[in-house]
Amino acid sequence: MDIYQWIGFIGMIFIVYAYFLLQTNQVTNSSTRFQLLNLSGATLLIISLIVHFNLGSFLIEVFWIMITLYGIMKNYKKSKGSTK
């Protein structure tokens, strides 16, 4: 395994761990921890896919990142609105 495969492997662990935490009610889908694990994992997978390219996997990670960023922005706006 080269370094990029290891990076992708770590990214996969982050995403699976985030999903495990969600399923065991240790986080919610709007928690910062859940979102950052997903974002980090998808980003690491994108890095590995730049070297070991697969179009389907690349596209799903791009959408994963976009959806996660949307969730982070939504939660940020919600928290800003509740502090006023």
N, C-alpha and C. Protein backbone atom coordinates (compact mmCIF):
# COMPACT_ATOMS: atom_id res chain seq x y z
N MET A 1 0.85 -1.19 0.00
CA MET A 1 0.00 0.00 0.00
C MET A 1 0.89 1.24 0.00
N ASP A 2 0.55 2.19 -0.85
CA ASP A 2 1.28 3.45 -0.84
C ASP A 2 0.60 4.45 0.10
N ILE A 3 1.21 5.60 0.28
CA ILE A 3 0.71 6.60 1.23
C ILE A 3 -0.71 7.06 0.88
N TYR A 4 -1.04 7.13 -0.40
CA TYR A 4 -2.37 7.60 -0.79
C TYR A 4 -3.45 6.57 -0.46
N GLN A 5 -3.10 5.31 -0.54
CA GLN A 5 -4.05 4.28 -0.12
C GLN A 5 -4.27 4.35 1.39
N TRP A 6 -3.22 4.61 2.14
CA TRP A 6 -3.36 4.77 3.59
C TRP A 6 -4.22 5.98 3.94
N ILE A 7 -4.03 7.07 3.20
CA ILE A 7 -4.84 8.27 3.42
C ILE A 7 -6.31 7.96 3.17
N GLY A 8 -6.60 7.27 2.09
CA GLY A 8 -7.97 6.87 1.79
C GLY A 8 -8.53 5.92 2.84
N PHE A 9 -7.71 5.03 3.32
CA PHE A 9 -8.14 4.08 4.36
C PHE A 9 -8.51 4.82 5.64
N ILE A 10 -7.71 5.80 6.03
CA ILE A 10 -8.02 6.61 7.22
C ILE A 10 -9.31 7.40 7.00
N GLY A 11 -9.50 7.94 5.80
CA GLY A 11 -10.74 8.65 5.48
C GLY A 11 -11.96 7.75 5.61
N MET A 12 -11.82 6.52 5.12
CA MET A 12 -12.92 5.56 5.23
C MET A 12 -13.23 5.27 6.70
N ILE A 13 -12.19 5.13 7.51
CA ILE A 13 -12.40 4.88 8.95
C ILE A 13 -13.16 6.04 9.59
N PHE A 14 -12.81 7.29 9.25
CA PHE A 14 -13.51 8.44 9.79
C PHE A 14 -15.00 8.40 9.46
N ILE A 15 -15.32 8.11 8.21
CA ILE A 15 -16.72 8.10 7.77
C ILE A 15 -17.49 6.96 8.44
N VAL A 16 -16.90 5.79 8.50
CA VAL A 16 -17.56 4.65 9.14
C VAL A 16 -17.73 4.90 10.64
N TYR A 17 -16.72 5.49 11.27
CA TYR A 17 -16.80 5.80 12.69
C TYR A 17 -17.91 6.83 12.96
N ALA A 18 -18.01 7.85 12.10
CA ALA A 18 -19.08 8.84 12.25
C ALA A 18 -20.44 8.17 12.16
N TYR A 19 -20.59 7.26 11.21
CA TYR A 19 -21.87 6.56 11.04
C TYR A 19 -22.16 5.68 12.26
N PHE A 20 -21.14 5.02 12.78
CA PHE A 20 -21.29 4.20 13.98
C PHE A 20 -21.76 5.06 15.16
N LEU A 21 -21.12 6.22 15.34
CA LEU A 21 -21.52 7.11 16.43
C LEU A 21 -22.97 7.56 16.28
N LEU A 22 -23.37 7.81 15.05
CA LEU A 22 -24.76 8.21 14.79
C LEU A 22 -25.72 7.08 15.14
N GLN A 23 -25.42 5.89 14.70
CA GLN A 23 -26.31 4.75 14.92
C GLN A 23 -26.38 4.34 16.38
N THR A 24 -25.35 4.63 17.15
CA THR A 24 -25.36 4.29 18.58
C THR A 24 -25.77 5.47 19.45
N ASN A 25 -26.33 6.50 18.81
CA ASN A 25 -26.85 7.69 19.49
C ASN A 25 -25.80 8.42 20.33
N GLN A 26 -24.56 8.35 19.92
CA GLN A 26 -23.50 9.08 20.62
C GLN A 26 -23.32 10.48 20.04
N VAL A 27 -23.84 10.69 18.84
CA VAL A 27 -23.88 12.01 18.19
C VAL A 27 -25.20 12.14 17.47
N THR A 28 -25.54 13.37 17.10
CA THR A 28 -26.70 13.59 16.24
C THR A 28 -26.19 13.97 14.86
N ASN A 29 -27.07 13.93 13.89
CA ASN A 29 -26.64 14.27 12.53
C ASN A 29 -26.29 15.75 12.38
N SER A 30 -26.63 16.56 13.35
CA SER A 30 -26.28 17.97 13.29
C SER A 30 -25.12 18.33 14.22
N SER A 31 -24.53 17.34 14.88
CA SER A 31 -23.43 17.64 15.80
C SER A 31 -22.17 17.97 15.02
N THR A 32 -21.39 18.86 15.58
CA THR A 32 -20.14 19.27 14.94
C THR A 32 -19.19 18.09 14.78
N ARG A 33 -19.13 17.25 15.77
CA ARG A 33 -18.24 16.08 15.72
C ARG A 33 -18.58 15.18 14.54
N PHE A 34 -19.86 14.90 14.36
CA PHE A 34 -20.31 14.06 13.25
C PHE A 34 -19.95 14.70 11.91
N GLN A 35 -20.24 15.98 11.79
CA GLN A 35 -19.99 16.67 10.52
C GLN A 35 -18.51 16.77 10.20
N LEU A 36 -17.68 17.04 11.21
CA LEU A 36 -16.24 17.15 10.96
C LEU A 36 -15.61 15.80 10.62
N LEU A 37 -16.10 14.74 11.24
CA LEU A 37 -15.62 13.41 10.88
C LEU A 37 -15.96 13.09 9.42
N ASN A 38 -17.18 13.41 9.02
CA ASN A 38 -17.59 13.18 7.63
C ASN A 38 -16.78 14.02 6.66
N LEU A 39 -16.61 15.29 6.98
CA LEU A 39 -15.86 16.20 6.11
C LEU A 39 -14.40 15.76 5.99
N SER A 40 -13.79 15.43 7.11
CA SER A 40 -12.38 14.98 7.10
C SER A 40 -12.24 13.68 6.32
N GLY A 41 -13.13 12.75 6.57
CA GLY A 41 -13.07 11.47 5.88
C GLY A 41 -13.22 11.61 4.38
N ALA A 42 -14.19 12.38 3.95
CA ALA A 42 -14.41 12.58 2.52
C ALA A 42 -13.23 13.30 1.87
N THR A 43 -12.66 14.26 2.58
CA THR A 43 -11.51 14.99 2.05
C THR A 43 -10.30 14.06 1.89
N LEU A 44 -10.06 13.21 2.87
CA LEU A 44 -8.97 12.25 2.77
C LEU A 44 -9.20 11.27 1.62
N LEU A 45 -10.44 10.85 1.44
CA LEU A 45 -10.74 9.95 0.33
C LEU A 45 -10.53 10.65 -1.02
N ILE A 46 -10.88 11.92 -1.11
CA ILE A 46 -10.64 12.68 -2.35
C ILE A 46 -9.14 12.72 -2.65
N ILE A 47 -8.34 12.96 -1.61
CA ILE A 47 -6.88 13.00 -1.80
C ILE A 47 -6.38 11.67 -2.37
N SER A 48 -6.86 10.57 -1.81
CA SER A 48 -6.42 9.27 -2.31
C SER A 48 -6.93 9.02 -3.73
N LEU A 49 -8.10 9.55 -4.05
CA LEU A 49 -8.68 9.34 -5.38
C LEU A 49 -8.00 10.18 -6.45
N ILE A 50 -7.29 11.21 -6.06
CA ILE A 50 -6.55 11.99 -7.05
C ILE A 50 -5.46 11.11 -7.67
N VAL A 51 -4.87 10.23 -6.87
CA VAL A 51 -3.83 9.34 -7.36
C VAL A 51 -4.41 8.05 -7.93
N HIS A 52 -5.36 7.46 -7.21
CA HIS A 52 -5.99 6.20 -7.64
C HIS A 52 -7.42 6.53 -8.06
N PHE A 53 -7.57 7.14 -9.23
CA PHE A 53 -8.83 7.73 -9.64
C PHE A 53 -9.89 6.69 -9.96
N ASN A 54 -11.10 6.99 -9.50
CA ASN A 54 -12.30 6.23 -9.83
C ASN A 54 -13.42 7.26 -9.88
N LEU A 55 -14.01 7.47 -11.04
CA LEU A 55 -14.98 8.54 -11.23
C LEU A 55 -16.17 8.44 -10.28
N GLY A 56 -16.74 7.26 -10.15
CA GLY A 56 -17.90 7.10 -9.27
C GLY A 56 -17.58 7.44 -7.83
N SER A 57 -16.47 6.94 -7.34
CA SER A 57 -16.06 7.24 -5.96
C SER A 57 -15.73 8.71 -5.78
N PHE A 58 -15.07 9.29 -6.77
CA PHE A 58 -14.72 10.71 -6.70
C PHE A 58 -15.99 11.57 -6.61
N LEU A 59 -16.96 11.27 -7.45
CA LEU A 59 -18.19 12.07 -7.46
C LEU A 59 -18.97 11.93 -6.16
N ILE A 60 -19.05 10.73 -5.62
CA ILE A 60 -19.79 10.56 -4.37
C ILE A 60 -19.10 11.33 -3.24
N GLU A 61 -17.78 11.38 -3.24
CA GLU A 61 -17.07 12.13 -2.20
C GLU A 61 -17.26 13.63 -2.37
N VAL A 62 -17.31 14.10 -3.62
CA VAL A 62 -17.58 15.52 -3.87
C VAL A 62 -18.96 15.89 -3.32
N PHE A 63 -19.96 15.07 -3.61
CA PHE A 63 -21.31 15.33 -3.10
C PHE A 63 -21.34 15.21 -1.58
N TRP A 64 -20.60 14.25 -1.02
CA TRP A 64 -20.54 14.07 0.44
C TRP A 64 -20.01 15.34 1.09
N ILE A 65 -18.96 15.90 0.51
CA ILE A 65 -18.37 17.14 1.04
C ILE A 65 -19.36 18.30 0.91
N MET A 66 -20.01 18.43 -0.25
CA MET A 66 -20.96 19.54 -0.45
C MET A 66 -22.13 19.45 0.54
N ILE A 67 -22.66 18.27 0.74
CA ILE A 67 -23.78 18.09 1.66
C ILE A 67 -23.34 18.36 3.10
N THR A 68 -22.15 17.91 3.46
CA THR A 68 -21.64 18.16 4.81
C THR A 68 -21.42 19.65 5.04
N LEU A 69 -20.84 20.34 4.07
CA LEU A 69 -20.65 21.79 4.20
C LEU A 69 -21.98 22.52 4.31
N TYR A 70 -22.98 22.06 3.58
CA TYR A 70 -24.33 22.63 3.70
C TYR A 70 -24.84 22.47 5.14
N GLY A 71 -24.68 21.26 5.69
CA GLY A 71 -25.13 21.01 7.06
C GLY A 71 -24.40 21.87 8.07
N ILE A 72 -23.11 22.04 7.88
CA ILE A 72 -22.32 22.89 8.79
C ILE A 72 -22.80 24.33 8.71
N MET A 73 -23.01 24.83 7.50
CA MET A 73 -23.50 26.22 7.34
C MET A 73 -24.89 26.38 7.93
N LYS A 74 -25.75 25.41 7.71
CA LYS A 74 -27.11 25.45 8.25
C LYS A 74 -27.09 25.51 9.77
N ASN A 75 -26.27 24.68 10.38
CA ASN A 75 -26.17 24.67 11.85
C ASN A 75 -25.54 25.95 12.38
N TYR A 76 -24.59 26.50 11.65
CA TYR A 76 -23.95 27.75 12.05
C TYR A 76 -24.97 28.89 12.03
N LYS A 77 -25.75 28.96 10.95
CA LYS A 77 -26.78 30.00 10.86
C LYS A 77 -27.83 29.83 11.95
N LYS A 78 -28.20 28.58 12.23
CA LYS A 78 -29.19 28.30 13.26
C LYS A 78 -28.68 28.74 14.63
N SER A 79 -27.40 28.45 14.91
CA SER A 79 -26.85 28.84 16.21
C SER A 79 -26.69 30.35 16.32
N LYS A 80 -26.39 31.03 15.24
CA LYS A 80 -26.29 32.49 15.25
C LYS A 80 -27.65 33.11 15.49
N GLY A 81 -28.70 32.53 14.92
CA GLY A 81 -30.05 33.03 15.08
C GLY A 81 -30.59 32.84 16.48
N SER A 82 -30.14 31.79 17.16
CA SER A 82 -30.66 31.52 18.51
C SER A 82 -29.94 32.34 19.58
N THR A 83 -28.81 32.98 19.23
CA THR A 83 -28.09 33.77 20.21
C THR A 83 -28.53 35.24 20.20
N LYS A 84 -29.37 35.62 19.25
CA LYS A 84 -29.82 37.02 19.15
C LYS A 84 -31.03 37.25 19.99
